[in-house]
Amino acid sequence: MPNNIEADLKTACNELIEKAGLRVGNILVLGCSSSEVNGGEIGKQSSYETGALIVETLLAELGARGIYLAVQGCEHINRSIVIEKEIAEKRGFEIVMVVPKINAGGACALAAYERFKEPVMVEHIVADAGMDIGDTSIGMHVKFVQVPVRLSVKKIGGAHLTCLKSRPKFIGGERSSYNFD
């Protein structure tokens, strides 16, 4: 496992929180390939230890700010999401029946399921921002309109890092004005 994963992850998380304007009650969705983080090919060398480190690091950073972490599983569980029951019910997300495993859901989804207070699985969420480590395709779970966020950290371990935030849609015509607070 590369040495700087935790430090890079903390930096990326904090930059994303700031640039996305995340606040108490918001949701950040994580998609992550532990295989890619460790220099392998997505889905080929899942590492529970790497997944646990990533989830624990993000839970600490986000939890301290009252931001919820949601973790996307792999395609073997239809990219369903591990999330705390509290926020799933509050937001009206439909709960589904599946439990992530190392090779059917992935290391990060399994680690989240084991570490959340009251984990549930949902098929789809509408998150406020997202962090994609290893090109896992999380865009379907971030609310429209999505805006790429450029961070100083470009990789976590050996995995490419892509981050998204969301903003309200601009609607109206030439006489419209917008508040950019």
C-alpha atoms as a PDB file:
ATOM      1  CA  MET A   1       0.000   0.000   0.000  1.00  0.00           C
ATOM      2  CA  PRO A   2       1.461   3.421  -0.928  1.00  0.00           C
ATOM      3  CA  ASN A   3       2.548   5.472   2.115  1.00  0.00           C
ATOM      4  CA  ASN A   4       0.819   8.795   1.456  1.00  0.00           C
ATOM      5  CA  ILE A   5      -2.790   7.594   1.029  1.00  0.00           C
ATOM      6  CA  GLU A   6      -4.084   8.968   4.333  1.00  0.00           C
ATOM      7  CA  ALA A   7      -2.380  12.376   4.033  1.00  0.00           C
ATOM      8  CA  ASP A   8      -3.426  12.841   0.386  1.00  0.00           C
ATOM      9  CA  LEU A   9      -6.975  11.765   1.192  1.00  0.00           C
ATOM     10  CA  LYS A  10      -7.254  14.252   4.073  1.00  0.00           C
ATOM     11  CA  THR A  11      -5.967  17.069   1.870  1.00  0.00           C
ATOM     12  CA  ALA A  12      -8.317  16.165  -0.986  1.00  0.00           C
ATOM     13  CA  CYS A  13     -11.309  15.807   1.332  1.00  0.00           C
ATOM     14  CA  ASN A  14     -10.740  19.156   3.002  1.00  0.00           C
ATOM     15  CA  GLU A  15     -10.199  20.936  -0.324  1.00  0.00           C
ATOM     16  CA  LEU A  16     -13.386  19.385  -1.714  1.00  0.00           C
ATOM     17  CA  ILE A  17     -15.398  20.384   1.375  1.00  0.00           C
ATOM     18  CA  GLU A  18     -14.212  23.971   0.953  1.00  0.00           C
ATOM     19  CA  LYS A  19     -14.545  24.238  -2.837  1.00  0.00           C
ATOM     20  CA  ALA A  20     -17.938  22.514  -2.898  1.00  0.00           C
ATOM     21  CA  GLY A  21     -19.227  24.571   0.028  1.00  0.00           C
ATOM     22  CA  LEU A  22     -20.338  21.446   1.895  1.00  0.00           C
ATOM     23  CA  ARG A  23     -22.069  21.980   5.220  1.00  0.00           C
ATOM     24  CA  VAL A  24     -23.814  20.071   8.004  1.00  0.00           C
ATOM     25  CA  GLY A  25     -26.295  17.533   6.638  1.00  0.00           C
ATOM     26  CA  ASN A  26     -24.817  17.356   3.131  1.00  0.00           C
ATOM     27  CA  ILE A  27     -23.817  14.039   1.542  1.00  0.00           C
ATOM     28  CA  LEU A  28     -20.510  13.218  -0.123  1.00  0.00           C
ATOM     29  CA  VAL A  29     -20.543  10.049  -2.218  1.00  0.00           C
ATOM     30  CA  LEU A  30     -17.351   8.025  -2.582  1.00  0.00           C
ATOM     31  CA  GLY A  31     -16.570   5.669  -5.408  1.00  0.00           C
ATOM     32  CA  CYS A  32     -13.261   3.890  -4.948  1.00  0.00           C
ATOM     33  CA  SER A  33     -11.202   1.076  -6.405  1.00  0.00           C
ATOM     34  CA  SER A  34      -8.802  -0.201  -3.760  1.00  0.00           C
ATOM     35  CA  SER A  35      -7.132  -2.159  -6.572  1.00  0.00           C
ATOM     36  CA  GLU A  36      -6.315   1.073  -8.438  1.00  0.00           C
ATOM     37  CA  VAL A  37      -5.148   2.794  -5.240  1.00  0.00           C
ATOM     38  CA  ASN A  38      -2.623  -0.027  -4.792  1.00  0.00           C
ATOM     39  CA  GLY A  39      -1.448   0.219  -8.403  1.00  0.00           C
ATOM     40  CA  GLY A  40      -3.528  -2.601  -9.880  1.00  0.00           C
ATOM     41  CA  GLU A  41      -6.455  -2.809 -12.270  1.00  0.00           C
ATOM     42  CA  ILE A  42      -9.961  -1.990 -11.093  1.00  0.00           C
ATOM     43  CA  GLY A  43     -11.762  -5.045  -9.725  1.00  0.00           C
ATOM     44  CA  LYS A  44      -8.743  -7.339  -9.851  1.00  0.00           C
ATOM     45  CA  GLN A  45      -6.928  -6.950  -6.504  1.00  0.00           C
ATOM     46  CA  SER A  46      -9.346  -5.609  -3.903  1.00  0.00           C
ATOM     47  CA  SER A  47      -7.703  -4.753  -0.595  1.00  0.00           C
ATOM     48  CA  TYR A  48      -9.810  -4.637   2.546  1.00  0.00           C
ATOM     49  CA  GLU A  49      -6.992  -2.866   4.427  1.00  0.00           C
ATOM     50  CA  THR A  50      -6.883  -0.083   1.826  1.00  0.00           C
ATOM     51  CA  GLY A  51     -10.672   0.224   1.780  1.00  0.00           C
ATOM     52  CA  ALA A  52     -10.780   0.437   5.572  1.00  0.00           C
ATOM     53  CA  LEU A  53      -8.085   3.135   5.659  1.00  0.00           C
ATOM     54  CA  ILE A  54      -9.934   5.221   3.067  1.00  0.00           C
ATOM     55  CA  VAL A  55     -13.334   4.905   4.747  1.00  0.00           C
ATOM     56  CA  GLU A  56     -11.972   5.559   8.248  1.00  0.00           C
ATOM     57  CA  THR A  57     -10.088   8.638   7.041  1.00  0.00           C
ATOM     58  CA  LEU A  58     -13.116  10.100   5.262  1.00  0.00           C
ATOM     59  CA  LEU A  59     -15.480   9.285   8.134  1.00  0.00           C
ATOM     60  CA  ALA A  60     -13.212  11.201  10.515  1.00  0.00           C
ATOM     61  CA  GLU A  61     -12.886  14.243   8.234  1.00  0.00           C
ATOM     62  CA  LEU A  62     -16.548  14.406   7.229  1.00  0.00           C
ATOM     63  CA  GLY A  63     -18.025  13.365  10.557  1.00  0.00           C
ATOM     64  CA  ALA A  64     -16.214  16.196  12.343  1.00  0.00           C
ATOM     65  CA  ARG A  65     -18.178  18.589  10.106  1.00  0.00           C
ATOM     66  CA  GLY A  66     -21.552  16.829  10.223  1.00  0.00           C
ATOM     67  CA  ILE A  67     -21.299  15.708   6.583  1.00  0.00           C
ATOM     68  CA  TYR A  68     -22.560  12.237   5.664  1.00  0.00           C
ATOM     69  CA  LEU A  69     -20.431   9.735   3.754  1.00  0.00           C
ATOM     70  CA  ALA A  70     -22.129   7.472   1.220  1.00  0.00           C
ATOM     71  CA  VAL A  71     -20.076   4.722  -0.454  1.00  0.00           C
ATOM     72  CA  GLN A  72     -20.842   3.287  -3.879  1.00  0.00           C
ATOM     73  CA  GLY A  73     -20.451  -0.436  -4.410  1.00  0.00           C
ATOM     74  CA  CYS A  74     -19.227  -1.964  -7.653  1.00  0.00           C
ATOM     75  CA  GLU A  75     -21.296  -3.086 -10.617  1.00  0.00           C
ATOM     76  CA  HIS A  76     -21.802  -6.550  -9.073  1.00  0.00           C
ATOM     77  CA  ILE A  77     -24.306  -4.949  -6.698  1.00  0.00           C
ATOM     78  CA  ASN A  78     -25.568  -2.479  -9.326  1.00  0.00           C
ATOM     79  CA  ARG A  79     -23.513   0.401  -7.879  1.00  0.00           C
ATOM     80  CA  SER A  80     -25.825   0.530  -4.883  1.00  0.00           C
ATOM     81  CA  ILE A  81     -24.834   2.784  -2.012  1.00  0.00           C
ATOM     82  CA  VAL A  82     -23.974   2.167   1.645  1.00  0.00           C
ATOM     83  CA  ILE A  83     -25.401   5.008   3.720  1.00  0.00           C
ATOM     84  CA  GLU A  84     -26.528   5.673   7.271  1.00  0.00           C
ATOM     85  CA  LYS A  85     -30.176   4.734   7.810  1.00  0.00           C
ATOM     86  CA  GLU A  86     -30.832   8.126   9.416  1.00  0.00           C
ATOM     87  CA  ILE A  87     -30.046  10.129   6.259  1.00  0.00           C
ATOM     88  CA  ALA A  88     -31.574   7.531   3.913  1.00  0.00           C
ATOM     89  CA  GLU A  89     -34.903   7.865   5.718  1.00  0.00           C
ATOM     90  CA  LYS A  90     -34.624  11.645   6.053  1.00  0.00           C
ATOM     91  CA  ARG A  91     -34.035  12.053   2.305  1.00  0.00           C
ATOM     92  CA  GLY A  92     -36.544   9.383   1.277  1.00  0.00           C
ATOM     93  CA  PHE A  93     -34.020   7.053  -0.399  1.00  0.00           C
ATOM     94  CA  GLU A  94     -35.421   3.594  -1.143  1.00  0.00           C
ATOM     95  CA  ILE A  95     -33.652   0.903   0.878  1.00  0.00           C
ATOM     96  CA  VAL A  96     -32.708  -2.305  -0.970  1.00  0.00           C
ATOM     97  CA  MET A  97     -31.513  -5.706   0.239  1.00  0.00           C
ATOM     98  CA  VAL A  98     -27.874  -6.546  -0.395  1.00  0.00           C
ATOM     99  CA  VAL A  99     -24.746  -6.733   1.742  1.00  0.00           C
ATOM    100  CA  PRO A 100     -21.441  -5.760   0.122  1.00  0.00           C
ATOM    101  CA  LYS A 101     -18.628  -8.293   0.072  1.00  0.00           C
ATOM    102  CA  ILE A 102     -15.007  -7.860  -0.938  1.00  0.00           C
ATOM    103  CA  ASN A 103     -15.629  -9.146  -4.489  1.00  0.00           C
ATOM    104  CA  ALA A 104     -19.267  -8.070  -4.816  1.00  0.00           C
ATOM    105  CA  GLY A 105     -19.431  -4.487  -3.700  1.00  0.00           C
ATOM    106  CA  GLY A 106     -15.779  -3.817  -3.066  1.00  0.00           C
ATOM    107  CA  ALA A 107     -13.430  -3.080  -0.211  1.00  0.00           C
ATOM    108  CA  CYS A 108     -14.652   0.448   0.535  1.00  0.00           C
ATOM    109  CA  ALA A 109     -18.348  -0.500   0.482  1.00  0.00           C
ATOM    110  CA  LEU A 110     -17.631  -3.445   2.794  1.00  0.00           C
ATOM    111  CA  ALA A 111     -15.543  -1.274   5.133  1.00  0.00           C
ATOM    112  CA  ALA A 112     -18.294   1.368   5.252  1.00  0.00           C
ATOM    113  CA  TYR A 113     -20.981  -1.235   5.910  1.00  0.00           C
ATOM    114  CA  GLU A 114     -18.964  -2.520   8.859  1.00  0.00           C
ATOM    115  CA  ARG A 115     -18.172   0.950  10.265  1.00  0.00           C
ATOM    116  CA  PHE A 116     -21.429   2.878   9.886  1.00  0.00           C
ATOM    117  CA  LYS A 117     -23.671   3.068  12.972  1.00  0.00           C
ATOM    118  CA  GLU A 118     -26.768   1.789  11.171  1.00  0.00           C
ATOM    119  CA  PRO A 119     -25.850   0.966   7.560  1.00  0.00           C
ATOM    120  CA  VAL A 120     -28.425   0.425   4.864  1.00  0.00           C
ATOM    121  CA  MET A 121     -28.120  -0.031   1.130  1.00  0.00           C
ATOM    122  CA  VAL A 122     -29.948   2.169  -1.349  1.00  0.00           C
ATOM    123  CA  GLU A 123     -30.059   1.850  -5.104  1.00  0.00           C
ATOM    124  CA  HIS A 124     -29.696   5.533  -5.874  1.00  0.00           C
ATOM    125  CA  ILE A 125     -28.976   8.747  -4.000  1.00  0.00           C
ATOM    126  CA  VAL A 126     -28.739  12.424  -4.790  1.00  0.00           C
ATOM    127  CA  ALA A 127     -25.478  13.546  -3.153  1.00  0.00           C
ATOM    128  CA  ASP A 128     -24.209  17.109  -2.905  1.00  0.00           C
ATOM    129  CA  ALA A 129     -20.659  16.244  -3.989  1.00  0.00           C
ATOM    130  CA  GLY A 130     -18.569  13.241  -4.923  1.00  0.00           C
ATOM    131  CA  MET A 131     -15.082  11.816  -4.794  1.00  0.00           C
ATOM    132  CA  ASP A 132     -14.146   9.204  -7.379  1.00  0.00           C
ATOM    133  CA  ILE A 133     -10.903   7.360  -6.688  1.00  0.00           C
ATOM    134  CA  GLY A 134      -9.929   5.095  -9.577  1.00  0.00           C
ATOM    135  CA  ASP A 135     -12.519   6.088 -12.216  1.00  0.00           C
ATOM    136  CA  THR A 136     -15.468   4.186 -10.734  1.00  0.00           C
ATOM    137  CA  SER A 137     -18.152   6.462 -12.289  1.00  0.00           C
ATOM    138  CA  ILE A 138     -20.092   8.125  -9.471  1.00  0.00           C
ATOM    139  CA  GLY A 139     -21.804  10.829 -11.528  1.00  0.00           C
ATOM    140  CA  MET A 140     -25.176   9.076 -11.407  1.00  0.00           C
ATOM    141  CA  HIS A 141     -25.246   9.684  -7.649  1.00  0.00           C
ATOM    142  CA  VAL A 142     -24.434  13.425  -7.606  1.00  0.00           C
ATOM    143  CA  LYS A 143     -27.287  15.887  -8.057  1.00  0.00           C
ATOM    144  CA  PHE A 144     -27.641  17.771 -11.310  1.00  0.00           C
ATOM    145  CA  VAL A 145     -25.916  20.171 -12.211  1.00  0.00           C
ATOM    146  CA  GLN A 146     -22.478  18.624 -11.669  1.00  0.00           C
ATOM    147  CA  VAL A 147     -19.321  20.720 -11.780  1.00  0.00           C
ATOM    148  CA  PRO A 148     -15.780  19.272 -11.798  1.00  0.00           C
ATOM    149  CA  VAL A 149     -13.646  20.368  -8.848  1.00  0.00           C
ATOM    150  CA  ARG A 150      -9.906  20.666  -9.395  1.00  0.00           C
ATOM    151  CA  LEU A 151      -7.810  19.854  -6.345  1.00  0.00           C
ATOM    152  CA  SER A 152      -4.091  19.994  -5.592  1.00  0.00           C
ATOM    153  CA  VAL A 153      -4.190  16.202  -5.108  1.00  0.00           C
ATOM    154  CA  LYS A 154      -4.492  14.389  -8.449  1.00  0.00           C
ATOM    155  CA  LYS A 155      -4.072  10.786  -7.271  1.00  0.00           C
ATOM    156  CA  ILE A 156      -4.724   8.698  -4.200  1.00  0.00           C
ATOM    157  CA  GLY A 157      -2.014   6.047  -4.255  1.00  0.00           C
ATOM    158  CA  GLY A 158      -1.928   4.838  -7.853  1.00  0.00           C
ATOM    159  CA  ALA A 159      -5.555   5.833  -8.584  1.00  0.00           C
ATOM    160  CA  HIS A 160      -6.726   8.845 -10.555  1.00  0.00           C
ATOM    161  CA  LEU A 161      -8.837  11.248  -8.449  1.00  0.00           C
ATOM    162  CA  THR A 162     -11.885  13.056  -9.846  1.00  0.00           C
ATOM    163  CA  CYS A 163     -14.170  15.211  -7.718  1.00  0.00           C
ATOM    164  CA  LEU A 164     -17.566  16.789  -8.366  1.00  0.00           C
ATOM    165  CA  LYS A 165     -19.741  19.366  -6.705  1.00  0.00           C
ATOM    166  CA  SER A 166     -23.267  20.341  -7.581  1.00  0.00           C
ATOM    167  CA  ARG A 167     -24.967  23.663  -8.113  1.00  0.00           C
ATOM    168  CA  PRO A 168     -28.550  24.726  -8.766  1.00  0.00           C
ATOM    169  CA  LYS A 169     -29.670  24.896 -12.407  1.00  0.00           C
ATOM    170  CA  PHE A 170     -29.752  28.274 -14.133  1.00  0.00           C
ATOM    171  CA  ILE A 171     -33.212  28.763 -15.565  1.00  0.00           C
ATOM    172  CA  GLY A 172     -34.977  31.620 -17.288  1.00  0.00           C
ATOM    173  CA  GLY A 173     -33.998  33.812 -20.152  1.00  0.00           C
ATOM    174  CA  GLU A 174     -32.163  37.024 -20.912  1.00  0.00           C
ATOM    175  CA  ARG A 175     -34.131  39.026 -18.334  1.00  0.00           C
ATOM    176  CA  SER A 176     -33.298  36.594 -15.531  1.00  0.00           C
ATOM    177  CA  SER A 177     -30.768  37.349 -12.823  1.00  0.00           C
ATOM    178  CA  TYR A 178     -28.991  34.979 -10.478  1.00  0.00           C
ATOM    179  CA  ASN A 179     -27.861  35.207  -6.889  1.00  0.00           C
ATOM    180  CA  PHE A 180     -24.317  33.826  -6.589  1.00  0.00           C
ATOM    181  CA  ASP A 181     -23.910  33.814  -2.783  1.00  0.00           C
END
